[in-house]
Amino acid sequence: MQDGTHLYALDISGASFVKACGGPCTEGCVTLARIGEDAWALGDSKRPDAQPLRFTTEELDAAGIDPARFGLDA
């Protein structure tokens, strides 16, 4: 399991973020990328310059965020 304090040390410059939208994506969407084993980055397409938040798979699950909704495997 990834230590949450080390998530922000991971290089995400090459991360491939994908969107999950519940409706029209005219106001922005949540984006998600796998950034390592048991590590995820959660961004906002409306604020592309904002630093994405980072989570472990367990933390994503606790927040009710399912990577499958983004077409990603957990």
PDB file of N, CA and C in Angstrom:
ATOM      1  N   MET A   1       0.836  -1.194   0.000  1.00  0.00           N
ATOM      2  CA  MET A   1       0.000   0.000   0.000  1.00  0.00           C
ATOM      3  C   MET A   1       0.876   1.252   0.000  1.00  0.00           C
ATOM      4  N   GLN A   2       0.520   2.191  -0.783  1.00  0.00           N
ATOM      5  CA  GLN A   2       1.232   3.460  -0.912  1.00  0.00           C
ATOM      6  C   GLN A   2       1.043   4.290   0.356  1.00  0.00           C
ATOM      7  N   ASP A   3       2.096   4.909   0.831  1.00  0.00           N
ATOM      8  CA  ASP A   3       2.037   5.818   1.968  1.00  0.00           C
ATOM      9  C   ASP A   3       1.546   7.166   1.443  1.00  0.00           C
ATOM     10  N   GLY A   4       0.435   7.652   1.985  1.00  0.00           N
ATOM     11  CA  GLY A   4      -0.174   8.888   1.505  1.00  0.00           C
ATOM     12  C   GLY A   4       0.745  10.088   1.520  1.00  0.00           C
ATOM     13  N   THR A   5       1.736  10.110   2.428  1.00  0.00           N
ATOM     14  CA  THR A   5       2.639  11.250   2.492  1.00  0.00           C
ATOM     15  C   THR A   5       3.610  11.268   1.317  1.00  0.00           C
ATOM     16  N   HIS A   6       3.789  10.135   0.642  1.00  0.00           N
ATOM     17  CA  HIS A   6       4.719  10.068  -0.477  1.00  0.00           C
ATOM     18  C   HIS A   6       4.039  10.258  -1.835  1.00  0.00           C
ATOM     19  N   LEU A   7       2.730  10.345  -1.838  1.00  0.00           N
ATOM     20  CA  LEU A   7       2.006  10.490  -3.102  1.00  0.00           C
ATOM     21  C   LEU A   7       2.425  11.747  -3.858  1.00  0.00           C
ATOM     22  N   TYR A   8       2.698  12.820  -3.133  1.00  0.00           N
ATOM     23  CA  TYR A   8       3.042  14.082  -3.790  1.00  0.00           C
ATOM     24  C   TYR A   8       4.486  14.109  -4.277  1.00  0.00           C
ATOM     25  N   ALA A   9       5.272  13.085  -3.946  1.00  0.00           N
ATOM     26  CA  ALA A   9       6.633  12.976  -4.453  1.00  0.00           C
ATOM     27  C   ALA A   9       6.662  12.282  -5.816  1.00  0.00           C
ATOM     28  N   LEU A  10       5.558  11.648  -6.200  1.00  0.00           N
ATOM     29  CA  LEU A  10       5.491  10.941  -7.479  1.00  0.00           C
ATOM     30  C   LEU A  10       5.427  11.942  -8.638  1.00  0.00           C
ATOM     31  N   ASP A  11       6.165  11.655  -9.693  1.00  0.00           N
ATOM     32  CA  ASP A  11       6.161  12.495 -10.892  1.00  0.00           C
ATOM     33  C   ASP A  11       4.900  12.198 -11.699  1.00  0.00           C
ATOM     34  N   ILE A  12       4.081  13.207 -11.930  1.00  0.00           N
ATOM     35  CA  ILE A  12       2.851  12.999 -12.705  1.00  0.00           C
ATOM     36  C   ILE A  12       2.903  13.729 -14.051  1.00  0.00           C
ATOM     37  N   SER A  13       4.085  14.164 -14.453  1.00  0.00           N
ATOM     38  CA  SER A  13       4.195  14.933 -15.699  1.00  0.00           C
ATOM     39  C   SER A  13       3.729  14.141 -16.916  1.00  0.00           C
ATOM     40  N   GLY A  14       3.841  12.825 -16.889  1.00  0.00           N
ATOM     41  CA  GLY A  14       3.409  12.018 -18.022  1.00  0.00           C
ATOM     42  C   GLY A  14       2.084  11.317 -17.794  1.00  0.00           C
ATOM     43  N   ALA A  15       1.375  11.678 -16.711  1.00  0.00           N
ATOM     44  CA  ALA A  15       0.117  11.015 -16.371  1.00  0.00           C
ATOM     45  C   ALA A  15      -0.943  11.307 -17.419  1.00  0.00           C
ATOM     46  N   SER A  16      -1.753  10.299 -17.703  1.00  0.00           N
ATOM     47  CA  SER A  16      -2.831  10.430 -18.671  1.00  0.00           C
ATOM     48  C   SER A  16      -4.166  10.542 -17.926  1.00  0.00           C
ATOM     49  N   PHE A  17      -4.693  11.758 -17.838  1.00  0.00           N
ATOM     50  CA  PHE A  17      -5.941  12.007 -17.128  1.00  0.00           C
ATOM     51  C   PHE A  17      -7.132  11.746 -18.046  1.00  0.00           C
ATOM     52  N   VAL A  18      -8.165  11.120 -17.494  1.00  0.00           N
ATOM     53  CA  VAL A  18      -9.403  10.879 -18.238  1.00  0.00           C
ATOM     54  C   VAL A  18     -10.561  11.492 -17.464  1.00  0.00           C
ATOM     55  N   LYS A  19     -11.617  11.872 -18.190  1.00  0.00           N
ATOM     56  CA  LYS A  19     -12.785  12.514 -17.590  1.00  0.00           C
ATOM     57  C   LYS A  19     -13.890  11.506 -17.311  1.00  0.00           C
ATOM     58  N   ALA A  20     -14.661  11.808 -16.294  1.00  0.00           N
ATOM     59  CA  ALA A  20     -15.907  11.091 -16.027  1.00  0.00           C
ATOM     60  C   ALA A  20     -16.966  12.157 -15.810  1.00  0.00           C
ATOM     61  N   CYS A  21     -17.991  12.119 -16.616  1.00  0.00           N
ATOM     62  CA  CYS A  21     -19.030  13.144 -16.536  1.00  0.00           C
ATOM     63  C   CYS A  21     -20.385  12.491 -16.306  1.00  0.00           C
ATOM     64  N   GLY A  22     -21.167  13.110 -15.451  1.00  0.00           N
ATOM     65  CA  GLY A  22     -22.518  12.632 -15.214  1.00  0.00           C
ATOM     66  C   GLY A  22     -23.511  13.259 -16.174  1.00  0.00           C
ATOM     67  N   GLY A  23     -23.082  14.225 -16.908  1.00  0.00           N
ATOM     68  CA  GLY A  23     -23.944  14.941 -17.848  1.00  0.00           C
ATOM     69  C   GLY A  23     -23.073  15.693 -18.818  1.00  0.00           C
ATOM     70  N   PRO A  24     -23.591  16.769 -19.395  1.00  0.00           N
ATOM     71  CA  PRO A  24     -22.780  17.534 -20.336  1.00  0.00           C
ATOM     72  C   PRO A  24     -21.559  18.121 -19.633  1.00  0.00           C
ATOM     73  N   CYS A  25     -20.443  18.050 -20.286  1.00  0.00           N
ATOM     74  CA  CYS A  25     -19.184  18.529 -19.685  1.00  0.00           C
ATOM     75  C   CYS A  25     -18.910  19.980 -20.052  1.00  0.00           C
ATOM     76  N   THR A  26     -19.916  20.799 -20.035  1.00  0.00           N
ATOM     77  CA  THR A  26     -19.732  22.193 -20.401  1.00  0.00           C
ATOM     78  C   THR A  26     -19.174  23.020 -19.251  1.00  0.00           C
ATOM     79  N   GLU A  27     -19.336  22.565 -18.015  1.00  0.00           N
ATOM     80  CA  GLU A  27     -18.862  23.324 -16.862  1.00  0.00           C
ATOM     81  C   GLU A  27     -17.618  22.714 -16.234  1.00  0.00           C
ATOM     82  N   GLY A  28     -17.040  21.719 -16.840  1.00  0.00           N
ATOM     83  CA  GLY A  28     -15.854  21.082 -16.290  1.00  0.00           C
ATOM     84  C   GLY A  28     -16.182  19.724 -15.718  1.00  0.00           C
ATOM     85  N   CYS A  29     -15.182  18.913 -15.642  1.00  0.00           N
ATOM     86  CA  CYS A  29     -15.355  17.552 -15.162  1.00  0.00           C
ATOM     87  C   CYS A  29     -14.189  17.154 -14.277  1.00  0.00           C
ATOM     88  N   VAL A  30     -14.455  16.174 -13.462  1.00  0.00           N
ATOM     89  CA  VAL A  30     -13.407  15.574 -12.659  1.00  0.00           C
ATOM     90  C   VAL A  30     -12.551  14.713 -13.579  1.00  0.00           C
ATOM     91  N   THR A  31     -11.233  14.759 -13.384  1.00  0.00           N
ATOM     92  CA  THR A  31     -10.324  13.925 -14.155  1.00  0.00           C
ATOM     93  C   THR A  31      -9.548  13.040 -13.189  1.00  0.00           C
ATOM     94  N   LEU A  32      -9.174  11.854 -13.665  1.00  0.00           N
ATOM     95  CA  LEU A  32      -8.467  10.901 -12.819  1.00  0.00           C
ATOM     96  C   LEU A  32      -7.364  10.245 -13.622  1.00  0.00           C
ATOM     97  N   ALA A  33      -6.232  10.007 -12.966  1.00  0.00           N
ATOM     98  CA  ALA A  33      -5.110   9.316 -13.599  1.00  0.00           C
ATOM     99  C   ALA A  33      -4.464   8.376 -12.584  1.00  0.00           C
ATOM    100  N   ARG A  34      -4.067   7.207 -13.056  1.00  0.00           N
ATOM    101  CA  ARG A  34      -3.250   6.326 -12.219  1.00  0.00           C
ATOM    102  C   ARG A  34      -1.834   6.865 -12.306  1.00  0.00           C
ATOM    103  N   ILE A  35      -1.230   7.095 -11.142  1.00  0.00           N
ATOM    104  CA  ILE A  35       0.122   7.667 -11.124  1.00  0.00           C
ATOM    105  C   ILE A  35       1.133   6.711 -10.506  1.00  0.00           C
ATOM    106  N   GLY A  36       0.701   5.512 -10.217  1.00  0.00           N
ATOM    107  CA  GLY A  36       1.581   4.505  -9.633  1.00  0.00           C
ATOM    108  C   GLY A  36       0.744   3.370  -9.101  1.00  0.00           C
ATOM    109  N   GLU A  37       1.416   2.364  -8.577  1.00  0.00           N
ATOM    110  CA  GLU A  37       0.683   1.256  -7.976  1.00  0.00           C
ATOM    111  C   GLU A  37      -0.014   1.785  -6.730  1.00  0.00           C
ATOM    112  N   ASP A  38      -1.337   1.639  -6.679  1.00  0.00           N
ATOM    113  CA  ASP A  38      -2.147   2.103  -5.559  1.00  0.00           C
ATOM    114  C   ASP A  38      -2.058   3.617  -5.376  1.00  0.00           C
ATOM    115  N   ALA A  39      -1.899   4.361  -6.477  1.00  0.00           N
ATOM    116  CA  ALA A  39      -1.779   5.815  -6.396  1.00  0.00           C
ATOM    117  C   ALA A  39      -2.548   6.472  -7.538  1.00  0.00           C
ATOM    118  N   TRP A  40      -3.287   7.525  -7.207  1.00  0.00           N
ATOM    119  CA  TRP A  40      -4.158   8.207  -8.158  1.00  0.00           C
ATOM    120  C   TRP A  40      -4.030   9.716  -8.003  1.00  0.00           C
ATOM    121  N   ALA A  41      -4.255  10.427  -9.095  1.00  0.00           N
ATOM    122  CA  ALA A  41      -4.314  11.888  -9.073  1.00  0.00           C
ATOM    123  C   ALA A  41      -5.696  12.296  -9.575  1.00  0.00           C
ATOM    124  N   LEU A  42      -6.334  13.183  -8.843  1.00  0.00           N
ATOM    125  CA  LEU A  42      -7.687  13.642  -9.152  1.00  0.00           C
ATOM    126  C   LEU A  42      -7.618  15.128  -9.481  1.00  0.00           C
ATOM    127  N   GLY A  43      -8.017  15.468 -10.697  1.00  0.00           N
ATOM    128  CA  GLY A  43      -7.933  16.853 -11.135  1.00  0.00           C
ATOM    129  C   GLY A  43      -9.284  17.436 -11.510  1.00  0.00           C
ATOM    130  N   ASP A  44      -9.241  18.657 -12.000  1.00  0.00           N
ATOM    131  CA  ASP A  44     -10.436  19.396 -12.405  1.00  0.00           C
ATOM    132  C   ASP A  44     -10.163  19.982 -13.788  1.00  0.00           C
ATOM    133  N   SER A  45     -10.897  19.514 -14.792  1.00  0.00           N
ATOM    134  CA  SER A  45     -10.650  19.980 -16.162  1.00  0.00           C
ATOM    135  C   SER A  45     -10.926  21.473 -16.322  1.00  0.00           C
ATOM    136  N   LYS A  46     -11.709  22.035 -15.435  1.00  0.00           N
ATOM    137  CA  LYS A  46     -12.023  23.459 -15.489  1.00  0.00           C
ATOM    138  C   LYS A  46     -10.854  24.305 -14.960  1.00  0.00           C
ATOM    139  N   ARG A  47      -9.992  23.658 -14.178  1.00  0.00           N
ATOM    140  CA  ARG A  47      -8.817  24.335 -13.603  1.00  0.00           C
ATOM    141  C   ARG A  47      -7.568  23.512 -13.926  1.00  0.00           C
ATOM    142  N   PRO A  48      -7.173  23.431 -15.189  1.00  0.00           N
ATOM    143  CA  PRO A  48      -6.070  22.560 -15.591  1.00  0.00           C
ATOM    144  C   PRO A  48      -4.713  22.932 -14.978  1.00  0.00           C
ATOM    145  N   ASP A  49      -4.564  24.167 -14.524  1.00  0.00           N
ATOM    146  CA  ASP A  49      -3.295  24.578 -13.921  1.00  0.00           C
ATOM    147  C   ASP A  49      -3.226  24.281 -12.425  1.00  0.00           C
ATOM    148  N   ALA A  50      -4.349  23.885 -11.830  1.00  0.00           N
ATOM    149  CA  ALA A  50      -4.374  23.564 -10.400  1.00  0.00           C
ATOM    150  C   ALA A  50      -3.709  22.208 -10.160  1.00  0.00           C
ATOM    151  N   GLN A  51      -2.966  22.106  -9.087  1.00  0.00           N
ATOM    152  CA  GLN A  51      -2.294  20.855  -8.728  1.00  0.00           C
ATOM    153  C   GLN A  51      -3.348  19.794  -8.396  1.00  0.00           C
ATOM    154  N   PRO A  52      -3.327  18.640  -9.068  1.00  0.00           N
ATOM    155  CA  PRO A  52      -4.291  17.575  -8.748  1.00  0.00           C
ATOM    156  C   PRO A  52      -4.084  17.049  -7.331  1.00  0.00           C
ATOM    157  N   LEU A  53      -5.175  16.651  -6.713  1.00  0.00           N
ATOM    158  CA  LEU A  53      -5.106  15.995  -5.412  1.00  0.00           C
ATOM    159  C   LEU A  53      -4.694  14.549  -5.637  1.00  0.00           C
ATOM    160  N   ARG A  54      -4.036  13.944  -4.664  1.00  0.00           N
ATOM    161  CA  ARG A  54      -3.544  12.577  -4.826  1.00  0.00           C
ATOM    162  C   ARG A  54      -4.094  11.686  -3.733  1.00  0.00           C
ATOM    163  N   PHE A  55      -4.426  10.462  -4.131  1.00  0.00           N
ATOM    164  CA  PHE A  55      -5.079   9.524  -3.227  1.00  0.00           C
ATOM    165  C   PHE A  55      -4.552   8.109  -3.441  1.00  0.00           C
ATOM    166  N   THR A  56      -4.667   7.297  -2.404  1.00  0.00           N
ATOM    167  CA  THR A  56      -4.453   5.861  -2.550  1.00  0.00           C
ATOM    168  C   THR A  56      -5.769   5.261  -3.043  1.00  0.00           C
ATOM    169  N   THR A  57      -5.732   4.018  -3.487  1.00  0.00           N
ATOM    170  CA  THR A  57      -6.960   3.344  -3.919  1.00  0.00           C
ATOM    171  C   THR A  57      -7.939   3.247  -2.759  1.00  0.00           C
ATOM    172  N   GLU A  58      -7.446   2.972  -1.573  1.00  0.00           N
ATOM    173  CA  GLU A  58      -8.309   2.878  -0.391  1.00  0.00           C
ATOM    174  C   GLU A  58      -9.002   4.212  -0.108  1.00  0.00           C
ATOM    175  N   GLU A  59      -8.270   5.309  -0.261  1.00  0.00           N
ATOM    176  CA  GLU A  59      -8.854   6.627  -0.038  1.00  0.00           C
ATOM    177  C   GLU A  59      -9.897   6.960  -1.102  1.00  0.00           C
ATOM    178  N   LEU A  60      -9.625   6.604  -2.363  1.00  0.00           N
ATOM    179  CA  LEU A  60     -10.621   6.820  -3.423  1.00  0.00           C
ATOM    180  C   LEU A  60     -11.902   6.062  -3.112  1.00  0.00           C
ATOM    181  N   ASP A  61     -11.739   4.813  -2.685  1.00  0.00           N
ATOM    182  CA  ASP A  61     -12.891   3.976  -2.343  1.00  0.00           C
ATOM    183  C   ASP A  61     -13.686   4.600  -1.194  1.00  0.00           C
ATOM    184  N   ALA A  62     -12.988   5.076  -0.172  1.00  0.00           N
ATOM    185  CA  ALA A  62     -13.662   5.699   0.974  1.00  0.00           C
ATOM    186  C   ALA A  62     -14.432   6.953   0.560  1.00  0.00           C
ATOM    187  N   ALA A  63     -13.934   7.642  -0.463  1.00  0.00           N
ATOM    188  CA  ALA A  63     -14.598   8.850  -0.957  1.00  0.00           C
ATOM    189  C   ALA A  63     -15.709   8.543  -1.963  1.00  0.00           C
ATOM    190  N   GLY A  64     -15.875   7.254  -2.301  1.00  0.00           N
ATOM    191  CA  GLY A  64     -16.917   6.864  -3.251  1.00  0.00           C
ATOM    192  C   GLY A  64     -16.547   7.121  -4.695  1.00  0.00           C
ATOM    193  N   ILE A  65     -15.255   7.222  -4.986  1.00  0.00           N
ATOM    194  CA  ILE A  65     -14.793   7.461  -6.355  1.00  0.00           C
ATOM    195  C   ILE A  65     -14.357   6.134  -6.949  1.00  0.00           C
ATOM    196  N   ASP A  66     -15.032   5.714  -8.004  1.00  0.00           N
ATOM    197  CA  ASP A  66     -14.762   4.430  -8.647  1.00  0.00           C
ATOM    198  C   ASP A  66     -13.982   4.652  -9.938  1.00  0.00           C
ATOM    199  N   PRO A  67     -12.727   4.191  -9.994  1.00  0.00           N
ATOM    200  CA  PRO A  67     -11.946   4.372 -11.212  1.00  0.00           C
ATOM    201  C   PRO A  67     -12.615   3.774 -12.448  1.00  0.00           C
ATOM    202  N   ALA A  68     -13.465   2.761 -12.277  1.00  0.00           N
ATOM    203  CA  ALA A  68     -14.165   2.157 -13.411  1.00  0.00           C
ATOM    204  C   ALA A  68     -15.055   3.179 -14.112  1.00  0.00           C
ATOM    205  N   ARG A  69     -15.549   4.145 -13.392  1.00  0.00           N
ATOM    206  CA  ARG A  69     -16.394   5.194 -13.983  1.00  0.00           C
ATOM    207  C   ARG A  69     -15.599   6.032 -14.986  1.00  0.00           C
ATOM    208  N   PHE A  70     -14.291   6.014 -14.826  1.00  0.00           N
ATOM    209  CA  PHE A  70     -13.390   6.738 -15.714  1.00  0.00           C
ATOM    210  C   PHE A  70     -12.811   5.810 -16.784  1.00  0.00           C
ATOM    211  N   GLY A  71     -13.235   4.546 -16.761  1.00  0.00           N
ATOM    212  CA  GLY A  71     -12.693   3.566 -17.703  1.00  0.00           C
ATOM    213  C   GLY A  71     -11.343   3.023 -17.270  1.00  0.00           C
ATOM    214  N   LEU A  72     -11.034   3.147 -15.972  1.00  0.00           N
ATOM    215  CA  LEU A  72      -9.750   2.699 -15.436  1.00  0.00           C
ATOM    216  C   LEU A  72      -9.966   1.508 -14.499  1.00  0.00           C
ATOM    217  N   ASP A  73      -8.975   0.637 -14.425  1.00  0.00           N
ATOM    218  CA  ASP A  73      -9.015  -0.492 -13.501  1.00  0.00           C
ATOM    219  C   ASP A  73      -8.360  -0.086 -12.190  1.00  0.00           C
ATOM    220  N   ALA A  74      -8.979  -0.495 -11.084  1.00  0.00           N
ATOM    221  CA  ALA A  74      -8.419  -0.171  -9.768  1.00  0.00           C
ATOM    222  C   ALA A  74      -7.270  -1.070  -9.412  1.00  0.00           C
TER     223      ALA A  74
END
